[in-house]
Structure formats: structure tokens, C-alpha cells
């Protein structure tokens, strides 16, 4: 599968954010993820699975910083990660 080069993060109403990647050829599903702590190799991510290349997270805390990424899932356990982007939620 090709690499995910860009992750778009769009702030919505208070507590909402939509993340989006360009559809990945060969991806069967996407795992949209966020964390409220700076990412490390031991970070536990909150996941939302989807067949869409975009997802809206709701219920996030206003004025808190979150980190976001998307993982494209393909056949034979193939995975491609997007860049990690951070935003402070409205």
C-alpha cells in the first residue's frame, strides 16, 4: 500500500474534530486514533474503526491538546500510518 503523506485535522463545534486522509489504494479499513498525551512507543491510543478515510470524534475536552493519526489496514496485516498531528480542541 502507498504511504499516507498527509493527515487533515479540521476543528468543528466545541468538543469535535474531523480527521481525514486521502483514500489509500488497497486499504480495506481505517483505524482513526487520538490520544491526550504526547505520543511515545508506549502510548495507548483511542481507536474508531471505519471503512471511510475520514472520521469525526465527539466529546473531546475543550482547551485540551490531542494528537491524531489514521492507520490504513490492508490485506495480510499491512498497515500504513499517517503523520501524527496535534490540535487544541475548541
PDB file of N, CA and C in Angstrom:
ATOM      1  N   UNK A   1       0.849  -1.181   0.000  1.00  0.00           N
ATOM      2  CA  UNK A   1       0.000   0.000   0.000  1.00  0.00           C
ATOM      3  C   UNK A   1       0.891   1.241   0.000  1.00  0.00           C
ATOM      4  N   UNK A   2       0.438   2.292  -0.650  1.00  0.00           N
ATOM      5  CA  UNK A   2       1.224   3.529  -0.626  1.00  0.00           C
ATOM      6  C   UNK A   2       1.183   4.197   0.742  1.00  0.00           C
ATOM      7  N   UNK A   3       2.181   5.000   1.018  1.00  0.00           N
ATOM      8  CA  UNK A   3       2.270   5.711   2.295  1.00  0.00           C
ATOM      9  C   UNK A   3       1.182   6.785   2.387  1.00  0.00           C
ATOM     10  N   UNK A   4       0.782   7.084   3.610  1.00  0.00           N
ATOM     11  CA  UNK A   4      -0.131   8.206   3.867  1.00  0.00           C
ATOM     12  C   UNK A   4       0.752   9.415   4.142  1.00  0.00           C
ATOM     13  N   UNK A   5       0.715  10.368   3.260  1.00  0.00           N
ATOM     14  CA  UNK A   5       1.608  11.514   3.378  1.00  0.00           C
ATOM     15  C   UNK A   5       1.033  12.675   4.165  1.00  0.00           C
ATOM     16  N   UNK A   6      -0.307  12.766   4.249  1.00  0.00           N
ATOM     17  CA  UNK A   6      -0.910  13.934   4.879  1.00  0.00           C
ATOM     18  C   UNK A   6      -2.156  13.535   5.657  1.00  0.00           C
ATOM     19  N   UNK A   7      -2.300  14.120   6.836  1.00  0.00           N
ATOM     20  CA  UNK A   7      -3.499  13.973   7.659  1.00  0.00           C
ATOM     21  C   UNK A   7      -4.093  15.350   7.839  1.00  0.00           C
ATOM     22  N   UNK A   8      -5.349  15.525   7.453  1.00  0.00           N
ATOM     23  CA  UNK A   8      -6.034  16.800   7.657  1.00  0.00           C
ATOM     24  C   UNK A   8      -6.825  16.725   8.954  1.00  0.00           C
ATOM     25  N   UNK A   9      -6.722  17.775   9.759  1.00  0.00           N
ATOM     26  CA  UNK A   9      -7.439  17.855  11.028  1.00  0.00           C
ATOM     27  C   UNK A   9      -8.260  19.129  11.012  1.00  0.00           C
ATOM     28  N   UNK A  10      -9.575  18.982  11.083  1.00  0.00           N
ATOM     29  CA  UNK A  10     -10.494  20.121  10.996  1.00  0.00           C
ATOM     30  C   UNK A  10     -11.274  20.243  12.301  1.00  0.00           C
ATOM     31  N   UNK A  11     -11.114  21.395  12.954  1.00  0.00           N
ATOM     32  CA  UNK A  11     -11.862  21.643  14.191  1.00  0.00           C
ATOM     33  C   UNK A  11     -13.308  21.954  13.855  1.00  0.00           C
ATOM     34  N   UNK A  12     -14.220  21.418  14.634  1.00  0.00           N
ATOM     35  CA  UNK A  12     -15.641  21.656  14.443  1.00  0.00           C
ATOM     36  C   UNK A  12     -16.202  22.415  15.630  1.00  0.00           C
ATOM     37  N   UNK A  13     -17.463  22.153  15.966  1.00  0.00           N
ATOM     38  CA  UNK A  13     -18.055  22.753  17.163  1.00  0.00           C
ATOM     39  C   UNK A  13     -17.267  22.317  18.402  1.00  0.00           C
ATOM     40  N   UNK A  14     -17.485  22.961  19.539  1.00  0.00           N
ATOM     41  CA  UNK A  14     -16.746  22.577  20.750  1.00  0.00           C
ATOM     42  C   UNK A  14     -16.785  21.059  21.004  1.00  0.00           C
ATOM     43  N   UNK A  15     -15.612  20.493  21.231  1.00  0.00           N
ATOM     44  CA  UNK A  15     -15.509  19.070  21.537  1.00  0.00           C
ATOM     45  C   UNK A  15     -15.478  18.153  20.329  1.00  0.00           C
ATOM     46  N   UNK A  16     -15.471  18.721  19.112  1.00  0.00           N
ATOM     47  CA  UNK A  16     -15.480  17.892  17.907  1.00  0.00           C
ATOM     48  C   UNK A  16     -14.300  18.195  17.005  1.00  0.00           C
ATOM     49  N   UNK A  17     -13.804  17.145  16.357  1.00  0.00           N
ATOM     50  CA  UNK A  17     -12.740  17.297  15.364  1.00  0.00           C
ATOM     51  C   UNK A  17     -12.927  16.209  14.311  1.00  0.00           C
ATOM     52  N   UNK A  18     -12.710  16.564  13.055  1.00  0.00           N
ATOM     53  CA  UNK A  18     -12.787  15.609  11.954  1.00  0.00           C
ATOM     54  C   UNK A  18     -11.386  15.437  11.388  1.00  0.00           C
ATOM     55  N   UNK A  19     -10.971  14.168  11.242  1.00  0.00           N
ATOM     56  CA  UNK A  19      -9.678  13.894  10.629  1.00  0.00           C
ATOM     57  C   UNK A  19      -9.930  13.170   9.304  1.00  0.00           C
ATOM     58  N   UNK A  20      -9.012  13.390   8.358  1.00  0.00           N
ATOM     59  CA  UNK A  20      -9.230  12.878   7.005  1.00  0.00           C
ATOM     60  C   UNK A  20      -7.889  12.614   6.324  1.00  0.00           C
ATOM     61  N   UNK A  21      -7.823  11.502   5.608  1.00  0.00           N
ATOM     62  CA  UNK A  21      -6.674  11.201   4.748  1.00  0.00           C
ATOM     63  C   UNK A  21      -7.216  10.927   3.353  1.00  0.00           C
ATOM     64  N   UNK A  22      -6.334  11.022   2.376  1.00  0.00           N
ATOM     65  CA  UNK A  22      -6.692  10.627   1.023  1.00  0.00           C
ATOM     66  C   UNK A  22      -6.840   9.112   1.022  1.00  0.00           C
ATOM     67  N   UNK A  23      -7.866   8.600   0.336  1.00  0.00           N
ATOM     68  CA  UNK A  23      -8.073   7.150   0.283  1.00  0.00           C
ATOM     69  C   UNK A  23      -6.790   6.440  -0.135  1.00  0.00           C
ATOM     70  N   UNK A  24      -6.500   5.350   0.546  1.00  0.00           N
ATOM     71  CA  UNK A  24      -5.283   4.587   0.277  1.00  0.00           C
ATOM     72  C   UNK A  24      -5.646   3.376  -0.583  1.00  0.00           C
ATOM     73  N   UNK A  25      -5.007   3.266  -1.734  1.00  0.00           N
ATOM     74  CA  UNK A  25      -5.247   2.131  -2.625  1.00  0.00           C
ATOM     75  C   UNK A  25      -4.855   0.846  -1.901  1.00  0.00           C
ATOM     76  N   UNK A  26      -5.773  -0.120  -1.873  1.00  0.00           N
ATOM     77  CA  UNK A  26      -5.503  -1.393  -1.214  1.00  0.00           C
ATOM     78  C   UNK A  26      -5.968  -1.455   0.233  1.00  0.00           C
ATOM     79  N   UNK A  27      -6.386  -0.326   0.798  1.00  0.00           N
ATOM     80  CA  UNK A  27      -6.865  -0.328   2.194  1.00  0.00           C
ATOM     81  C   UNK A  27      -8.273  -0.916   2.250  1.00  0.00           C
ATOM     82  N   UNK A  28      -8.475  -1.808   3.198  1.00  0.00           N
ATOM     83  CA  UNK A  28      -9.800  -2.405   3.397  1.00  0.00           C
ATOM     84  C   UNK A  28     -10.569  -1.688   4.507  1.00  0.00           C
ATOM     85  N   UNK A  29      -9.830  -1.034   5.397  1.00  0.00           N
ATOM     86  CA  UNK A  29     -10.449  -0.310   6.509  1.00  0.00           C
ATOM     87  C   UNK A  29      -9.445   0.710   7.040  1.00  0.00           C
ATOM     88  N   UNK A  30      -9.945   1.577   7.901  1.00  0.00           N
ATOM     89  CA  UNK A  30      -9.113   2.608   8.523  1.00  0.00           C
ATOM     90  C   UNK A  30      -9.352   2.595  10.018  1.00  0.00           C
ATOM     91  N   UNK A  31      -8.296   2.845  10.779  1.00  0.00           N
ATOM     92  CA  UNK A  31      -8.408   2.997  12.229  1.00  0.00           C
ATOM     93  C   UNK A  31      -8.024   4.438  12.530  1.00  0.00           C
ATOM     94  N   UNK A  32      -9.000   5.218  12.973  1.00  0.00           N
ATOM     95  CA  UNK A  32      -8.772   6.620  13.310  1.00  0.00           C
ATOM     96  C   UNK A  32      -8.486   6.680  14.805  1.00  0.00           C
ATOM     97  N   UNK A  33      -7.429   7.393  15.182  1.00  0.00           N
ATOM     98  CA  UNK A  33      -6.949   7.333  16.560  1.00  0.00           C
ATOM     99  C   UNK A  33      -6.647   8.717  17.125  1.00  0.00           C
ATOM    100  N   UNK A  34      -6.785   8.818  18.456  1.00  0.00           N
ATOM    101  CA  UNK A  34      -6.330  10.018  19.161  1.00  0.00           C
ATOM    102  C   UNK A  34      -5.812   9.643  20.533  1.00  0.00           C
ATOM    103  N   UNK A  35      -5.008  10.546  21.080  1.00  0.00           N
ATOM    104  CA  UNK A  35      -4.514  10.404  22.448  1.00  0.00           C
ATOM    105  C   UNK A  35      -4.399  11.801  23.048  1.00  0.00           C
ATOM    106  N   UNK A  36      -4.525  11.877  24.358  1.00  0.00           N
ATOM    107  CA  UNK A  36      -4.424  13.166  25.054  1.00  0.00           C
ATOM    108  C   UNK A  36      -3.035  13.368  25.657  1.00  0.00           C
ATOM    109  N   UNK A  37      -2.133  12.420  25.418  1.00  0.00           N
ATOM    110  CA  UNK A  37      -0.770  12.541  25.946  1.00  0.00           C
ATOM    111  C   UNK A  37       0.217  12.529  24.786  1.00  0.00           C
ATOM    112  N   UNK A  38       1.333  13.220  24.925  1.00  0.00           N
ATOM    113  CA  UNK A  38       2.322  13.207  23.839  1.00  0.00           C
ATOM    114  C   UNK A  38       2.684  11.774  23.467  1.00  0.00           C
ATOM    115  N   UNK A  39       2.620  11.442  22.167  1.00  0.00           N
ATOM    116  CA  UNK A  39       2.848  10.059  21.743  1.00  0.00           C
ATOM    117  C   UNK A  39       4.280   9.575  21.984  1.00  0.00           C
ATOM    118  N   UNK A  40       4.364   8.350  22.473  1.00  0.00           N
ATOM    119  CA  UNK A  40       5.629   7.637  22.628  1.00  0.00           C
ATOM    120  C   UNK A  40       5.387   6.217  22.121  1.00  0.00           C
ATOM    121  N   UNK A  41       6.380   5.383  22.225  1.00  0.00           N
ATOM    122  CA  UNK A  41       6.209   3.992  21.794  1.00  0.00           C
ATOM    123  C   UNK A  41       5.238   3.230  22.695  1.00  0.00           C
ATOM    124  N   UNK A  42       4.933   3.774  23.875  1.00  0.00           N
ATOM    125  CA  UNK A  42       4.032   3.097  24.813  1.00  0.00           C
ATOM    126  C   UNK A  42       2.664   3.769  24.914  1.00  0.00           C
ATOM    127  N   UNK A  43       2.387   4.719  24.053  1.00  0.00           N
ATOM    128  CA  UNK A  43       1.111   5.444  24.089  1.00  0.00           C
ATOM    129  C   UNK A  43      -0.054   4.503  23.810  1.00  0.00           C
ATOM    130  N   UNK A  44      -1.116   4.672  24.587  1.00  0.00           N
ATOM    131  CA  UNK A  44      -2.363   3.957  24.344  1.00  0.00           C
ATOM    132  C   UNK A  44      -3.278   4.909  23.572  1.00  0.00           C
ATOM    133  N   UNK A  45      -3.658   4.505  22.359  1.00  0.00           N
ATOM    134  CA  UNK A  45      -4.496   5.330  21.501  1.00  0.00           C
ATOM    135  C   UNK A  45      -5.955   4.913  21.638  1.00  0.00           C
ATOM    136  N   UNK A  46      -6.871   5.886  21.561  1.00  0.00           N
ATOM    137  CA  UNK A  46      -8.299   5.606  21.463  1.00  0.00           C
ATOM    138  C   UNK A  46      -8.599   5.394  19.981  1.00  0.00           C
ATOM    139  N   UNK A  47      -9.276   4.292  19.647  1.00  0.00           N
ATOM    140  CA  UNK A  47      -9.490   3.891  18.254  1.00  0.00           C
ATOM    141  C   UNK A  47     -10.951   3.925  17.850  1.00  0.00           C
ATOM    142  N   UNK A  48     -11.193   4.297  16.606  1.00  0.00           N
ATOM    143  CA  UNK A  48     -12.507   4.190  15.984  1.00  0.00           C
ATOM    144  C   UNK A  48     -12.284   3.598  14.595  1.00  0.00           C
ATOM    145  N   UNK A  49     -12.811   2.413  14.343  1.00  0.00           N
ATOM    146  CA  UNK A  49     -12.651   1.771  13.051  1.00  0.00           C
ATOM    147  C   UNK A  49     -13.702   2.235  12.066  1.00  0.00           C
ATOM    148  N   UNK A  50     -13.354   2.198  10.767  1.00  0.00           N
ATOM    149  CA  UNK A  50     -14.265   2.663   9.736  1.00  0.00           C
ATOM    150  C   UNK A  50     -13.793   2.173   8.374  1.00  0.00           C
ATOM    151  N   UNK A  51     -14.708   2.132   7.426  1.00  0.00           N
ATOM    152  CA  UNK A  51     -14.316   1.890   6.040  1.00  0.00           C
ATOM    153  C   UNK A  51     -14.115   3.215   5.320  1.00  0.00           C
ATOM    154  N   UNK A  52     -14.368   4.324   6.010  1.00  0.00           N
ATOM    155  CA  UNK A  52     -14.187   5.660   5.449  1.00  0.00           C
ATOM    156  C   UNK A  52     -12.796   6.200   5.779  1.00  0.00           C
ATOM    157  N   UNK A  53     -12.273   7.036   4.903  1.00  0.00           N
ATOM    158  CA  UNK A  53     -10.958   7.649   5.107  1.00  0.00           C
ATOM    159  C   UNK A  53     -11.054   8.903   5.970  1.00  0.00           C
ATOM    160  N   UNK A  54     -12.205   9.122   6.588  1.00  0.00           N
ATOM    161  CA  UNK A  54     -12.421  10.273   7.471  1.00  0.00           C
ATOM    162  C   UNK A  54     -13.242   9.828   8.670  1.00  0.00           C
ATOM    163  N   UNK A  55     -13.142  10.599   9.749  1.00  0.00           N
ATOM    164  CA  UNK A  55     -13.924  10.288  10.951  1.00  0.00           C
ATOM    165  C   UNK A  55     -14.056  11.549  11.802  1.00  0.00           C
ATOM    166  N   UNK A  56     -15.201  11.707  12.470  1.00  0.00           N
ATOM    167  CA  UNK A  56     -15.412  12.811  13.402  1.00  0.00           C
ATOM    168  C   UNK A  56     -15.435  12.261  14.821  1.00  0.00           C
ATOM    169  N   UNK A  57     -14.531  12.773  15.645  1.00  0.00           N
ATOM    170  CA  UNK A  57     -14.527  12.436  17.068  1.00  0.00           C
ATOM    171  C   UNK A  57     -15.380  13.480  17.784  1.00  0.00           C
ATOM    172  N   UNK A  58     -16.206  13.024  18.714  1.00  0.00           N
ATOM    173  CA  UNK A  58     -17.066  13.921  19.500  1.00  0.00           C
ATOM    174  C   UNK A  58     -16.804  13.677  20.984  1.00  0.00           C
ATOM    175  N   UNK A  59     -17.129  14.663  21.806  1.00  0.00           N
ATOM    176  CA  UNK A  59     -16.987  14.500  23.248  1.00  0.00           C
ATOM    177  C   UNK A  59     -15.583  14.732  23.766  1.00  0.00           C
ATOM    178  N   UNK A  60     -14.730  15.374  22.958  1.00  0.00           N
ATOM    179  CA  UNK A  60     -13.387  15.701  23.428  1.00  0.00           C
ATOM    180  C   UNK A  60     -13.445  16.915  24.349  1.00  0.00           C
ATOM    181  N   UNK A  61     -12.485  17.034  25.236  1.00  0.00           N
ATOM    182  CA  UNK A  61     -12.466  18.145  26.198  1.00  0.00           C
ATOM    183  C   UNK A  61     -11.963  19.418  25.532  1.00  0.00           C
ATOM    184  N   UNK A  62     -12.720  20.479  25.709  1.00  0.00           N
ATOM    185  CA  UNK A  62     -12.316  21.781  25.160  1.00  0.00           C
ATOM    186  C   UNK A  62     -11.055  22.283  25.850  1.00  0.00           C
ATOM    187  N   UNK A  63     -10.242  22.992  25.108  1.00  0.00           N
ATOM    188  CA  UNK A  63      -8.993  23.606  25.573  1.00  0.00           C
ATOM    189  C   UNK A  63      -7.943  22.577  25.974  1.00  0.00           C
ATOM    190  N   UNK A  64      -8.097  21.359  25.501  1.00  0.00           N
ATOM    191  CA  UNK A  64      -7.092  20.323  25.758  1.00  0.00           C
ATOM    192  C   UNK A  64      -6.427  19.958  24.439  1.00  0.00           C
ATOM    193  N   UNK A  65      -5.144  19.653  24.514  1.00  0.00           N
ATOM    194  CA  UNK A  65      -4.389  19.251  23.324  1.00  0.00           C
ATOM    195  C   UNK A  65      -4.544  17.749  23.109  1.00  0.00           C
ATOM    196  N   UNK A  66      -4.787  17.360  21.846  1.00  0.00           N
ATOM    197  CA  UNK A  66      -4.887  15.963  21.453  1.00  0.00           C
ATOM    198  C   UNK A  66      -3.966  15.717  20.254  1.00  0.00           C
ATOM    199  N   UNK A  67      -3.531  14.482  20.112  1.00  0.00           N
ATOM    200  CA  UNK A  67      -2.735  14.053  18.967  1.00  0.00           C
ATOM    201  C   UNK A  67      -3.583  13.066  18.180  1.00  0.00           C
ATOM    202  N   UNK A  68      -3.541  13.173  16.842  1.00  0.00           N
ATOM    203  CA  UNK A  68      -4.383  12.365  15.964  1.00  0.00           C
ATOM    204  C   UNK A  68      -3.542  11.657  14.910  1.00  0.00           C
ATOM    205  N   UNK A  69      -4.032  10.490  14.480  1.00  0.00           N
ATOM    206  CA  UNK A  69      -3.439   9.797  13.341  1.00  0.00           C
ATOM    207  C   UNK A  69      -4.479   8.829  12.782  1.00  0.00           C
ATOM    208  N   UNK A  70      -4.219   8.356  11.565  1.00  0.00           N
ATOM    209  CA  UNK A  70      -5.059   7.347  10.925  1.00  0.00           C
ATOM    210  C   UNK A  70      -4.157   6.216  10.452  1.00  0.00           C
ATOM    211  N   UNK A  71      -4.648   4.997  10.608  1.00  0.00           N
ATOM    212  CA  UNK A  71      -3.926   3.817  10.144  1.00  0.00           C
ATOM    213  C   UNK A  71      -4.771   3.164   9.051  1.00  0.00           C
ATOM    214  N   UNK A  72      -4.181   2.970   7.874  1.00  0.00           N
ATOM    215  CA  UNK A  72      -4.849   2.246   6.797  1.00  0.00           C
ATOM    216  C   UNK A  72      -4.515   0.767   6.965  1.00  0.00           C
ATOM    217  N   UNK A  73      -5.544  -0.072   6.910  1.00  0.00           N
ATOM    218  CA  UNK A  73      -5.381  -1.514   7.107  1.00  0.00           C
ATOM    219  C   UNK A  73      -5.641  -2.241   5.795  1.00  0.00           C
ATOM    220  N   UNK A  74      -4.684  -3.056   5.373  1.00  0.00           N
ATOM    221  CA  UNK A  74      -4.821  -3.789   4.117  1.00  0.00           C
ATOM    222  C   UNK A  74      -4.788  -5.286   4.343  1.00  0.00           C
ATOM    223  N   UNK A  75      -4.639  -6.002   3.260  1.00  0.00           N
ATOM    224  CA  UNK A  75      -4.574  -7.468   3.331  1.00  0.00           C
ATOM    225  C   UNK A  75      -3.258  -7.907   3.966  1.00  0.00           C
ATOM    226  N   UNK A  76      -3.257  -9.114   4.499  1.00  0.00           N
ATOM    227  CA  UNK A  76      -2.053  -9.726   5.082  1.00  0.00           C
ATOM    228  C   UNK A  76      -1.410  -8.851   6.156  1.00  0.00           C
ATOM    229  N   UNK A  77      -2.234  -8.239   6.977  1.00  0.00           N
ATOM    230  CA  UNK A  77      -1.775  -7.405   8.094  1.00  0.00           C
ATOM    231  C   UNK A  77      -0.963  -6.183   7.667  1.00  0.00           C
ATOM    232  N   UNK A  78      -1.134  -5.711   6.442  1.00  0.00           N
ATOM    233  CA  UNK A  78      -0.460  -4.492   6.011  1.00  0.00           C
ATOM    234  C   UNK A  78      -1.048  -3.302   6.761  1.00  0.00           C
ATOM    235  N   UNK A  79      -0.179  -2.388   7.193  1.00  0.00           N
ATOM    236  CA  UNK A  79      -0.616  -1.171   7.878  1.00  0.00           C
ATOM    237  C   UNK A  79       0.245  -0.009   7.417  1.00  0.00           C
ATOM    238  N   UNK A  80      -0.415   1.111   7.166  1.00  0.00           N
ATOM    239  CA  UNK A  80       0.289   2.356   6.846  1.00  0.00           C
ATOM    240  C   UNK A  80      -0.226   3.421   7.803  1.00  0.00           C
ATOM    241  N   UNK A  81       0.689   4.121   8.460  1.00  0.00           N
ATOM    242  CA  UNK A  81       0.330   5.153   9.434  1.00  0.00           C
ATOM    243  C   UNK A  81       0.446   6.533   8.797  1.00  0.00           C
ATOM    244  N   UNK A  82      -0.491   7.393   9.156  1.00  0.00           N
ATOM    245  CA  UNK A  82      -0.399   8.790   8.736  1.00  0.00           C
ATOM    246  C   UNK A  82       0.577   9.513   9.651  1.00  0.00           C
ATOM    247  N   UNK A  83       0.976  10.720   9.271  1.00  0.00           N
ATOM    248  CA  UNK A  83       1.720  11.544  10.232  1.00  0.00           C
ATOM    249  C   UNK A  83       0.830  11.827  11.453  1.00  0.00           C
ATOM    250  N   UNK A  84       1.441  12.115  12.582  1.00  0.00           N
ATOM    251  CA  UNK A  84       0.704  12.485  13.797  1.00  0.00           C
ATOM    252  C   UNK A  84       0.590  14.011  13.819  1.00  0.00           C
ATOM    253  N   UNK A  85      -0.638  14.502  14.017  1.00  0.00           N
ATOM    254  CA  UNK A  85      -0.906  15.940  14.053  1.00  0.00           C
ATOM    255  C   UNK A  85      -1.564  16.272  15.392  1.00  0.00           C
ATOM    256  N   UNK A  86      -1.164  17.380  16.002  1.00  0.00           N
ATOM    257  CA  UNK A  86      -1.788  17.779  17.266  1.00  0.00           C
ATOM    258  C   UNK A  86      -2.628  19.037  17.077  1.00  0.00           C
ATOM    259  N   UNK A  87      -3.657  19.151  17.899  1.00  0.00           N
ATOM    260  CA  UNK A  87      -4.535  20.321  17.902  1.00  0.00           C
ATOM    261  C   UNK A  87      -5.063  20.538  19.316  1.00  0.00           C
ATOM    262  N   UNK A  88      -5.333  21.801  19.634  1.00  0.00           N
ATOM    263  CA  UNK A  88      -6.040  22.148  20.866  1.00  0.00           C
ATOM    264  C   UNK A  88      -7.507  22.281  20.483  1.00  0.00           C
ATOM    265  N   UNK A  89      -8.359  21.538  21.171  1.00  0.00           N
ATOM    266  CA  UNK A  89      -9.781  21.469  20.856  1.00  0.00           C
ATOM    267  C   UNK A  89     -10.505  22.726  21.337  1.00  0.00           C
ATOM    268  N   UNK A  90     -11.473  23.156  20.535  1.00  0.00           N
ATOM    269  CA  UNK A  90     -12.281  24.329  20.919  1.00  0.00           C
ATOM    270  C   UNK A  90     -13.193  23.985  22.060  1.00  0.00           C
TER     271      UNK A  90
END
